[in-house]
Amino acid sequence: MLPGYITLYRDEDGLIHLYFFQGLTDDNRTYYNKLDLPNDKYKYKVIVNNDNSYEYIFENKHIKSMSCNLVSYNNKVLNKILTIKK
């Protein structure tokens, strides 16, 4: 198993990034489902990295925290509150 990972950070240009790796189970399935972010609250673009992780880059530079529900392949829900570290 390779655990999933999610974090929120600010880059050197002040843009907010949400980095998300879904993780893998022992039988090579993704551990967490894809994120379902609302398009109407924040505008963002998505980059899919070579390791199949996702990077959401937001236009709003004033985001300080975000909460999300990570839903696993077996429908368990993990509520995460992400904050920008200074």
PDB file of N, CA and C in Angstrom:
ATOM      1  N   MET A   1       0.847  -1.183   0.000  1.00  0.00           N
ATOM      2  CA  MET A   1       0.000   0.000   0.000  1.00  0.00           C
ATOM      3  C   MET A   1       0.891   1.245   0.000  1.00  0.00           C
ATOM      4  N   LEU A   2       0.464   2.213  -0.764  1.00  0.00           N
ATOM      5  CA  LEU A   2       1.120   3.521  -0.805  1.00  0.00           C
ATOM      6  C   LEU A   2       0.072   4.544  -0.368  1.00  0.00           C
ATOM      7  N   PRO A   3       0.261   5.189   0.787  1.00  0.00           N
ATOM      8  CA  PRO A   3      -0.793   6.067   1.315  1.00  0.00           C
ATOM      9  C   PRO A   3      -1.054   7.291   0.445  1.00  0.00           C
ATOM     10  N   GLY A   4      -2.278   7.767   0.504  1.00  0.00           N
ATOM     11  CA  GLY A   4      -2.659   8.996  -0.181  1.00  0.00           C
ATOM     12  C   GLY A   4      -2.118  10.193   0.580  1.00  0.00           C
ATOM     13  N   TYR A   5      -2.068  11.323  -0.105  1.00  0.00           N
ATOM     14  CA  TYR A   5      -1.493  12.524   0.504  1.00  0.00           C
ATOM     15  C   TYR A   5      -2.190  13.746  -0.074  1.00  0.00           C
ATOM     16  N   ILE A   6      -2.482  14.711   0.795  1.00  0.00           N
ATOM     17  CA  ILE A   6      -3.075  15.970   0.341  1.00  0.00           C
ATOM     18  C   ILE A   6      -2.479  17.102   1.168  1.00  0.00           C
ATOM     19  N   THR A   7      -2.170  18.216   0.503  1.00  0.00           N
ATOM     20  CA  THR A   7      -1.624  19.370   1.209  1.00  0.00           C
ATOM     21  C   THR A   7      -1.984  20.649   0.471  1.00  0.00           C
ATOM     22  N   LEU A   8      -1.939  21.725   1.183  1.00  0.00           N
ATOM     23  CA  LEU A   8      -2.227  23.048   0.645  1.00  0.00           C
ATOM     24  C   LEU A   8      -1.003  23.915   0.909  1.00  0.00           C
ATOM     25  N   TYR A   9      -0.499  24.606  -0.114  1.00  0.00           N
ATOM     26  CA  TYR A   9       0.671  25.456   0.081  1.00  0.00           C
ATOM     27  C   TYR A   9       0.644  26.657  -0.856  1.00  0.00           C
ATOM     28  N   ARG A  10       1.456  27.660  -0.514  1.00  0.00           N
ATOM     29  CA  ARG A  10       1.597  28.878  -1.316  1.00  0.00           C
ATOM     30  C   ARG A  10       2.954  28.822  -2.006  1.00  0.00           C
ATOM     31  N   ASP A  11       2.977  29.109  -3.321  1.00  0.00           N
ATOM     32  CA  ASP A  11       4.253  29.102  -4.044  1.00  0.00           C
ATOM     33  C   ASP A  11       4.925  30.474  -3.949  1.00  0.00           C
ATOM     34  N   GLU A  12       6.090  30.604  -4.572  1.00  0.00           N
ATOM     35  CA  GLU A  12       6.864  31.849  -4.486  1.00  0.00           C
ATOM     36  C   GLU A  12       6.177  33.030  -5.154  1.00  0.00           C
ATOM     37  N   ASP A  13       5.184  32.777  -6.035  1.00  0.00           N
ATOM     38  CA  ASP A  13       4.416  33.852  -6.665  1.00  0.00           C
ATOM     39  C   ASP A  13       3.144  34.191  -5.899  1.00  0.00           C
ATOM     40  N   GLY A  14       2.913  33.517  -4.766  1.00  0.00           N
ATOM     41  CA  GLY A  14       1.735  33.778  -3.955  1.00  0.00           C
ATOM     42  C   GLY A  14       0.519  32.978  -4.357  1.00  0.00           C
ATOM     43  N   LEU A  15       0.641  32.101  -5.356  1.00  0.00           N
ATOM     44  CA  LEU A  15      -0.490  31.279  -5.786  1.00  0.00           C
ATOM     45  C   LEU A  15      -0.675  30.106  -4.824  1.00  0.00           C
ATOM     46  N   ILE A  16      -1.924  29.737  -4.589  1.00  0.00           N
ATOM     47  CA  ILE A  16      -2.256  28.645  -3.682  1.00  0.00           C
ATOM     48  C   ILE A  16      -2.381  27.362  -4.496  1.00  0.00           C
ATOM     49  N   HIS A  17      -1.710  26.313  -4.020  1.00  0.00           N
ATOM     50  CA  HIS A  17      -1.740  25.003  -4.667  1.00  0.00           C
ATOM     51  C   HIS A  17      -2.353  23.986  -3.708  1.00  0.00           C
ATOM     52  N   LEU A  18      -3.195  23.142  -4.251  1.00  0.00           N
ATOM     53  CA  LEU A  18      -3.691  21.977  -3.524  1.00  0.00           C
ATOM     54  C   LEU A  18      -3.106  20.767  -4.237  1.00  0.00           C
ATOM     55  N   TYR A  19      -2.215  20.047  -3.546  1.00  0.00           N
ATOM     56  CA  TYR A  19      -1.571  18.875  -4.121  1.00  0.00           C
ATOM     57  C   TYR A  19      -2.256  17.641  -3.565  1.00  0.00           C
ATOM     58  N   PHE A  20      -2.622  16.697  -4.448  1.00  0.00           N
ATOM     59  CA  PHE A  20      -3.361  15.514  -4.028  1.00  0.00           C
ATOM     60  C   PHE A  20      -2.856  14.276  -4.763  1.00  0.00           C
ATOM     61  N   PHE A  21      -2.428  13.288  -3.986  1.00  0.00           N
ATOM     62  CA  PHE A  21      -2.075  11.973  -4.515  1.00  0.00           C
ATOM     63  C   PHE A  21      -3.078  10.988  -3.943  1.00  0.00           C
ATOM     64  N   GLN A  22      -3.728  10.206  -4.795  1.00  0.00           N
ATOM     65  CA  GLN A  22      -4.815   9.327  -4.368  1.00  0.00           C
ATOM     66  C   GLN A  22      -4.358   8.125  -3.566  1.00  0.00           C
ATOM     67  N   GLY A  23      -3.094   7.752  -3.650  1.00  0.00           N
ATOM     68  CA  GLY A  23      -2.609   6.565  -2.949  1.00  0.00           C
ATOM     69  C   GLY A  23      -2.961   5.305  -3.725  1.00  0.00           C
ATOM     70  N   LEU A  24      -2.357   4.199  -3.325  1.00  0.00           N
ATOM     71  CA  LEU A  24      -2.604   2.913  -3.982  1.00  0.00           C
ATOM     72  C   LEU A  24      -2.813   1.835  -2.931  1.00  0.00           C
ATOM     73  N   THR A  25      -3.732   0.919  -3.208  1.00  0.00           N
ATOM     74  CA  THR A  25      -3.948  -0.237  -2.340  1.00  0.00           C
ATOM     75  C   THR A  25      -2.951  -1.326  -2.731  1.00  0.00           C
ATOM     76  N   ASP A  26      -2.922  -2.394  -1.959  1.00  0.00           N
ATOM     77  CA  ASP A  26      -2.020  -3.510  -2.260  1.00  0.00           C
ATOM     78  C   ASP A  26      -2.335  -4.173  -3.598  1.00  0.00           C
ATOM     79  N   ASP A  27      -3.594  -4.079  -4.039  1.00  0.00           N
ATOM     80  CA  ASP A  27      -3.947  -4.664  -5.343  1.00  0.00           C
ATOM     81  C   ASP A  27      -3.952  -3.612  -6.459  1.00  0.00           C
ATOM     82  N   ASN A  28      -3.197  -2.534  -6.242  1.00  0.00           N
ATOM     83  CA  ASN A  28      -2.938  -1.497  -7.254  1.00  0.00           C
ATOM     84  C   ASN A  28      -4.159  -0.663  -7.665  1.00  0.00           C
ATOM     85  N   ARG A  29      -5.133  -0.549  -6.782  1.00  0.00           N
ATOM     86  CA  ARG A  29      -6.273   0.344  -7.011  1.00  0.00           C
ATOM     87  C   ARG A  29      -5.986   1.656  -6.308  1.00  0.00           C
ATOM     88  N   THR A  30      -6.594   2.751  -6.819  1.00  0.00           N
ATOM     89  CA  THR A  30      -6.437   4.017  -6.115  1.00  0.00           C
ATOM     90  C   THR A  30      -7.171   3.937  -4.781  1.00  0.00           C
ATOM     91  N   TYR A  31      -6.529   4.465  -3.739  1.00  0.00           N
ATOM     92  CA  TYR A  31      -7.112   4.398  -2.409  1.00  0.00           C
ATOM     93  C   TYR A  31      -8.242   5.419  -2.254  1.00  0.00           C
ATOM     94  N   TYR A  32      -7.974   6.667  -2.623  1.00  0.00           N
ATOM     95  CA  TYR A  32      -9.001   7.711  -2.524  1.00  0.00           C
ATOM     96  C   TYR A  32      -9.586   8.018  -3.891  1.00  0.00           C
ATOM     97  N   ASN A  33     -10.861   8.359  -3.904  1.00  0.00           N
ATOM     98  CA  ASN A  33     -11.514   8.810  -5.139  1.00  0.00           C
ATOM     99  C   ASN A  33     -10.955  10.180  -5.521  1.00  0.00           C
ATOM    100  N   LYS A  34     -11.184  10.570  -6.766  1.00  0.00           N
ATOM    101  CA  LYS A  34     -10.764  11.901  -7.214  1.00  0.00           C
ATOM    102  C   LYS A  34     -11.505  12.962  -6.410  1.00  0.00           C
ATOM    103  N   LEU A  35     -10.885  14.124  -6.279  1.00  0.00           N
ATOM    104  CA  LEU A  35     -11.531  15.241  -5.579  1.00  0.00           C
ATOM    105  C   LEU A  35     -12.646  15.811  -6.430  1.00  0.00           C
ATOM    106  N   ASP A  36     -13.683  16.257  -5.776  1.00  0.00           N
ATOM    107  CA  ASP A  36     -14.804  16.901  -6.446  1.00  0.00           C
ATOM    108  C   ASP A  36     -14.865  18.337  -5.935  1.00  0.00           C
ATOM    109  N   LEU A  37     -14.137  19.223  -6.603  1.00  0.00           N
ATOM    110  CA  LEU A  37     -14.088  20.623  -6.177  1.00  0.00           C
ATOM    111  C   LEU A  37     -15.141  21.426  -6.931  1.00  0.00           C
ATOM    112  N   PRO A  38     -15.887  22.274  -6.229  1.00  0.00           N
ATOM    113  CA  PRO A  38     -16.884  23.110  -6.924  1.00  0.00           C
ATOM    114  C   PRO A  38     -16.199  24.175  -7.772  1.00  0.00           C
ATOM    115  N   ASN A  39     -16.640  24.329  -8.994  1.00  0.00           N
ATOM    116  CA  ASN A  39     -16.069  25.331  -9.899  1.00  0.00           C
ATOM    117  C   ASN A  39     -16.575  26.734  -9.605  1.00  0.00           C
ATOM    118  N   ASP A  40     -17.658  26.856  -8.859  1.00  0.00           N
ATOM    119  CA  ASP A  40     -18.258  28.169  -8.656  1.00  0.00           C
ATOM    120  C   ASP A  40     -17.653  28.939  -7.482  1.00  0.00           C
ATOM    121  N   LYS A  41     -16.964  28.273  -6.563  1.00  0.00           N
ATOM    122  CA  LYS A  41     -16.415  28.973  -5.403  1.00  0.00           C
ATOM    123  C   LYS A  41     -15.060  29.601  -5.720  1.00  0.00           C
ATOM    124  N   TYR A  42     -14.147  28.825  -6.284  1.00  0.00           N
ATOM    125  CA  TYR A  42     -12.822  29.320  -6.644  1.00  0.00           C
ATOM    126  C   TYR A  42     -12.490  28.886  -8.069  1.00  0.00           C
ATOM    127  N   LYS A  43     -11.855  29.769  -8.816  1.00  0.00           N
ATOM    128  CA  LYS A  43     -11.377  29.397 -10.143  1.00  0.00           C
ATOM    129  C   LYS A  43      -9.992  28.790  -9.993  1.00  0.00           C
ATOM    130  N   TYR A  44      -9.752  27.711 -10.732  1.00  0.00           N
ATOM    131  CA  TYR A  44      -8.482  27.023 -10.633  1.00  0.00           C
ATOM    132  C   TYR A  44      -8.181  26.286 -11.931  1.00  0.00           C
ATOM    133  N   LYS A  45      -6.919  25.894 -12.073  1.00  0.00           N
ATOM    134  CA  LYS A  45      -6.547  25.001 -13.166  1.00  0.00           C
ATOM    135  C   LYS A  45      -5.964  23.749 -12.534  1.00  0.00           C
ATOM    136  N   VAL A  46      -6.027  22.639 -13.273  1.00  0.00           N
ATOM    137  CA  VAL A  46      -5.565  21.356 -12.761  1.00  0.00           C
ATOM    138  C   VAL A  46      -4.406  20.855 -13.603  1.00  0.00           C
ATOM    139  N   ILE A  47      -3.366  20.407 -12.928  1.00  0.00           N
ATOM    140  CA  ILE A  47      -2.231  19.771 -13.588  1.00  0.00           C
ATOM    141  C   ILE A  47      -2.182  18.328 -13.104  1.00  0.00           C
ATOM    142  N   VAL A  48      -2.077  17.391 -14.058  1.00  0.00           N
ATOM    143  CA  VAL A  48      -1.894  15.986 -13.708  1.00  0.00           C
ATOM    144  C   VAL A  48      -0.405  15.682 -13.865  1.00  0.00           C
ATOM    145  N   ASN A  49       0.237  15.300 -12.762  1.00  0.00           N
ATOM    146  CA  ASN A  49       1.672  15.021 -12.763  1.00  0.00           C
ATOM    147  C   ASN A  49       1.964  13.608 -13.270  1.00  0.00           C
ATOM    148  N   ASN A  50       3.221  13.327 -13.549  1.00  0.00           N
ATOM    149  CA  ASN A  50       3.628  12.021 -14.082  1.00  0.00           C
ATOM    150  C   ASN A  50       3.292  10.858 -13.153  1.00  0.00           C
ATOM    151  N   ASP A  51       3.229  11.117 -11.848  1.00  0.00           N
ATOM    152  CA  ASP A  51       2.897  10.052 -10.892  1.00  0.00           C
ATOM    153  C   ASP A  51       1.389   9.936 -10.652  1.00  0.00           C
ATOM    154  N   ASN A  52       0.596  10.563 -11.518  1.00  0.00           N
ATOM    155  CA  ASN A  52      -0.875  10.598 -11.440  1.00  0.00           C
ATOM    156  C   ASN A  52      -1.391  11.375 -10.233  1.00  0.00           C
ATOM    157  N   SER A  53      -0.560  12.216  -9.647  1.00  0.00           N
ATOM    158  CA  SER A  53      -1.053  13.127  -8.615  1.00  0.00           C
ATOM    159  C   SER A  53      -1.658  14.336  -9.323  1.00  0.00           C
ATOM    160  N   TYR A  54      -2.472  15.070  -8.585  1.00  0.00           N
ATOM    161  CA  TYR A  54      -3.162  16.242  -9.129  1.00  0.00           C
ATOM    162  C   TYR A  54      -2.704  17.475  -8.387  1.00  0.00           C
ATOM    163  N   GLU A  55      -2.530  18.546  -9.128  1.00  0.00           N
ATOM    164  CA  GLU A  55      -2.185  19.826  -8.529  1.00  0.00           C
ATOM    165  C   GLU A  55      -3.210  20.855  -9.003  1.00  0.00           C
ATOM    166  N   TYR A  56      -3.968  21.373  -8.060  1.00  0.00           N
ATOM    167  CA  TYR A  56      -4.969  22.394  -8.337  1.00  0.00           C
ATOM    168  C   TYR A  56      -4.330  23.737  -7.994  1.00  0.00           C
ATOM    169  N   ILE A  57      -4.298  24.648  -8.950  1.00  0.00           N
ATOM    170  CA  ILE A  57      -3.693  25.964  -8.731  1.00  0.00           C
ATOM    171  C   ILE A  57      -4.800  27.005  -8.798  1.00  0.00           C
ATOM    172  N   PHE A  58      -5.008  27.703  -7.692  1.00  0.00           N
ATOM    173  CA  PHE A  58      -6.125  28.629  -7.557  1.00  0.00           C
ATOM    174  C   PHE A  58      -5.737  30.045  -7.941  1.00  0.00           C
ATOM    175  N   GLU A  59      -6.674  30.770  -8.555  1.00  0.00           N
ATOM    176  CA  GLU A  59      -6.462  32.175  -8.897  1.00  0.00           C
ATOM    177  C   GLU A  59      -6.509  33.070  -7.663  1.00  0.00           C
ATOM    178  N   ASN A  60      -7.308  32.701  -6.681  1.00  0.00           N
ATOM    179  CA  ASN A  60      -7.463  33.483  -5.457  1.00  0.00           C
ATOM    180  C   ASN A  60      -6.230  33.294  -4.575  1.00  0.00           C
ATOM    181  N   LYS A  61      -5.478  34.357  -4.356  1.00  0.00           N
ATOM    182  CA  LYS A  61      -4.257  34.286  -3.553  1.00  0.00           C
ATOM    183  C   LYS A  61      -4.522  34.469  -2.059  1.00  0.00           C
ATOM    184  N   HIS A  62      -5.776  34.649  -1.671  1.00  0.00           N
ATOM    185  CA  HIS A  62      -6.107  34.941  -0.278  1.00  0.00           C
ATOM    186  C   HIS A  62      -6.665  33.739   0.475  1.00  0.00           C
ATOM    187  N   ILE A  63      -6.617  32.566  -0.110  1.00  0.00           N
ATOM    188  CA  ILE A  63      -7.091  31.355   0.570  1.00  0.00           C
ATOM    189  C   ILE A  63      -6.134  31.057   1.724  1.00  0.00           C
ATOM    190  N   LYS A  64      -6.691  30.808   2.908  1.00  0.00           N
ATOM    191  CA  LYS A  64      -5.868  30.492   4.074  1.00  0.00           C
ATOM    192  C   LYS A  64      -6.079  29.059   4.543  1.00  0.00           C
ATOM    193  N   SER A  65      -7.252  28.517   4.273  1.00  0.00           N
ATOM    194  CA  SER A  65      -7.531  27.140   4.658  1.00  0.00           C
ATOM    195  C   SER A  65      -8.635  26.583   3.764  1.00  0.00           C
ATOM    196  N   MET A  66      -8.761  25.277   3.822  1.00  0.00           N
ATOM    197  CA  MET A  66      -9.753  24.597   3.001  1.00  0.00           C
ATOM    198  C   MET A  66     -10.086  23.276   3.695  1.00  0.00           C
ATOM    199  N   SER A  67     -11.316  22.866   3.633  1.00  0.00           N
ATOM    200  CA  SER A  67     -11.671  21.554   4.176  1.00  0.00           C
ATOM    201  C   SER A  67     -12.157  20.671   3.036  1.00  0.00           C
ATOM    202  N   CYS A  68     -11.928  19.387   3.188  1.00  0.00           N
ATOM    203  CA  CYS A  68     -12.358  18.455   2.150  1.00  0.00           C
ATOM    204  C   CYS A  68     -12.676  17.108   2.780  1.00  0.00           C
ATOM    205  N   ASN A  69     -13.484  16.350   2.102  1.00  0.00           N
ATOM    206  CA  ASN A  69     -13.779  14.987   2.490  1.00  0.00           C
ATOM    207  C   ASN A  69     -13.093  14.062   1.501  1.00  0.00           C
ATOM    208  N   LEU A  70     -12.171  13.249   2.004  1.00  0.00           N
ATOM    209  CA  LEU A  70     -11.521  12.250   1.175  1.00  0.00           C
ATOM    210  C   LEU A  70     -12.319  10.959   1.299  1.00  0.00           C
ATOM    211  N   VAL A  71     -12.776  10.439   0.176  1.00  0.00           N
ATOM    212  CA  VAL A  71     -13.594   9.226   0.158  1.00  0.00           C
ATOM    213  C   VAL A  71     -12.732   8.092  -0.376  1.00  0.00           C
ATOM    214  N   SER A  72     -12.576   7.037   0.433  1.00  0.00           N
ATOM    215  CA  SER A  72     -11.736   5.914   0.039  1.00  0.00           C
ATOM    216  C   SER A  72     -12.501   4.957  -0.877  1.00  0.00           C
ATOM    217  N   TYR A  73     -11.775   4.017  -1.445  1.00  0.00           N
ATOM    218  CA  TYR A  73     -12.370   3.033  -2.359  1.00  0.00           C
ATOM    219  C   TYR A  73     -13.457   2.210  -1.668  1.00  0.00           C
ATOM    220  N   ASN A  74     -13.391   2.070  -0.341  1.00  0.00           N
ATOM    221  CA  ASN A  74     -14.419   1.321   0.398  1.00  0.00           C
ATOM    222  C   ASN A  74     -15.425   2.252   1.082  1.00  0.00           C
ATOM    223  N   ASN A  75     -15.522   3.483   0.574  1.00  0.00           N
ATOM    224  CA  ASN A  75     -16.505   4.499   0.973  1.00  0.00           C
ATOM    225  C   ASN A  75     -16.344   5.028   2.394  1.00  0.00           C
ATOM    226  N   LYS A  76     -15.184   4.869   2.987  1.00  0.00           N
ATOM    227  CA  LYS A  76     -14.918   5.524   4.270  1.00  0.00           C
ATOM    228  C   LYS A  76     -14.551   6.975   3.980  1.00  0.00           C
ATOM    229  N   VAL A  77     -15.046   7.884   4.815  1.00  0.00           N
ATOM    230  CA  VAL A  77     -14.837   9.314   4.601  1.00  0.00           C
ATOM    231  C   VAL A  77     -13.888   9.853   5.664  1.00  0.00           C
ATOM    232  N   LEU A  78     -12.863  10.560   5.204  1.00  0.00           N
ATOM    233  CA  LEU A  78     -11.915  11.221   6.095  1.00  0.00           C
ATOM    234  C   LEU A  78     -12.033  12.718   5.849  1.00  0.00           C
ATOM    235  N   ASN A  79     -12.437  13.458   6.891  1.00  0.00           N
ATOM    236  CA  ASN A  79     -12.548  14.911   6.771  1.00  0.00           C
ATOM    237  C   ASN A  79     -11.202  15.525   7.108  1.00  0.00           C
ATOM    238  N   LYS A  80     -10.648  16.327   6.180  1.00  0.00           N
ATOM    239  CA  LYS A  80      -9.361  16.980   6.377  1.00  0.00           C
ATOM    240  C   LYS A  80      -9.553  18.489   6.332  1.00  0.00           C
ATOM    241  N   ILE A  81      -8.913  19.177   7.262  1.00  0.00           N
ATOM    242  CA  ILE A  81      -8.850  20.640   7.236  1.00  0.00           C
ATOM    243  C   ILE A  81      -7.407  20.997   6.914  1.00  0.00           C
ATOM    244  N   LEU A  82      -7.216  21.671   5.788  1.00  0.00           N
ATOM    245  CA  LEU A  82      -5.890  22.033   5.319  1.00  0.00           C
ATOM    246  C   LEU A  82      -5.672  23.519   5.565  1.00  0.00           C
ATOM    247  N   THR A  83      -4.512  23.879   6.068  1.00  0.00           N
ATOM    248  CA  THR A  83      -4.193  25.284   6.287  1.00  0.00           C
ATOM    249  C   THR A  83      -2.839  25.596   5.675  1.00  0.00           C
ATOM    250  N   ILE A  84      -2.675  26.855   5.282  1.00  0.00           N
ATOM    251  CA  ILE A  84      -1.408  27.313   4.740  1.00  0.00           C
ATOM    252  C   ILE A  84      -0.445  27.521   5.886  1.00  0.00           C
ATOM    253  N   LYS A  85       0.687  26.891   5.825  1.00  0.00           N
ATOM    254  CA  LYS A  85       1.713  27.089   6.851  1.00  0.00           C
ATOM    255  C   LYS A  85       2.534  28.315   6.497  1.00  0.00           C
ATOM    256  N   LYS A  86       2.816  29.137   7.464  1.00  0.00           N
ATOM    257  CA  LYS A  86       3.564  30.381   7.219  1.00  0.00           C
ATOM    258  C   LYS A  86       5.036  30.145   7.233  1.00  0.00           C
TER     259      LYS A  86
END
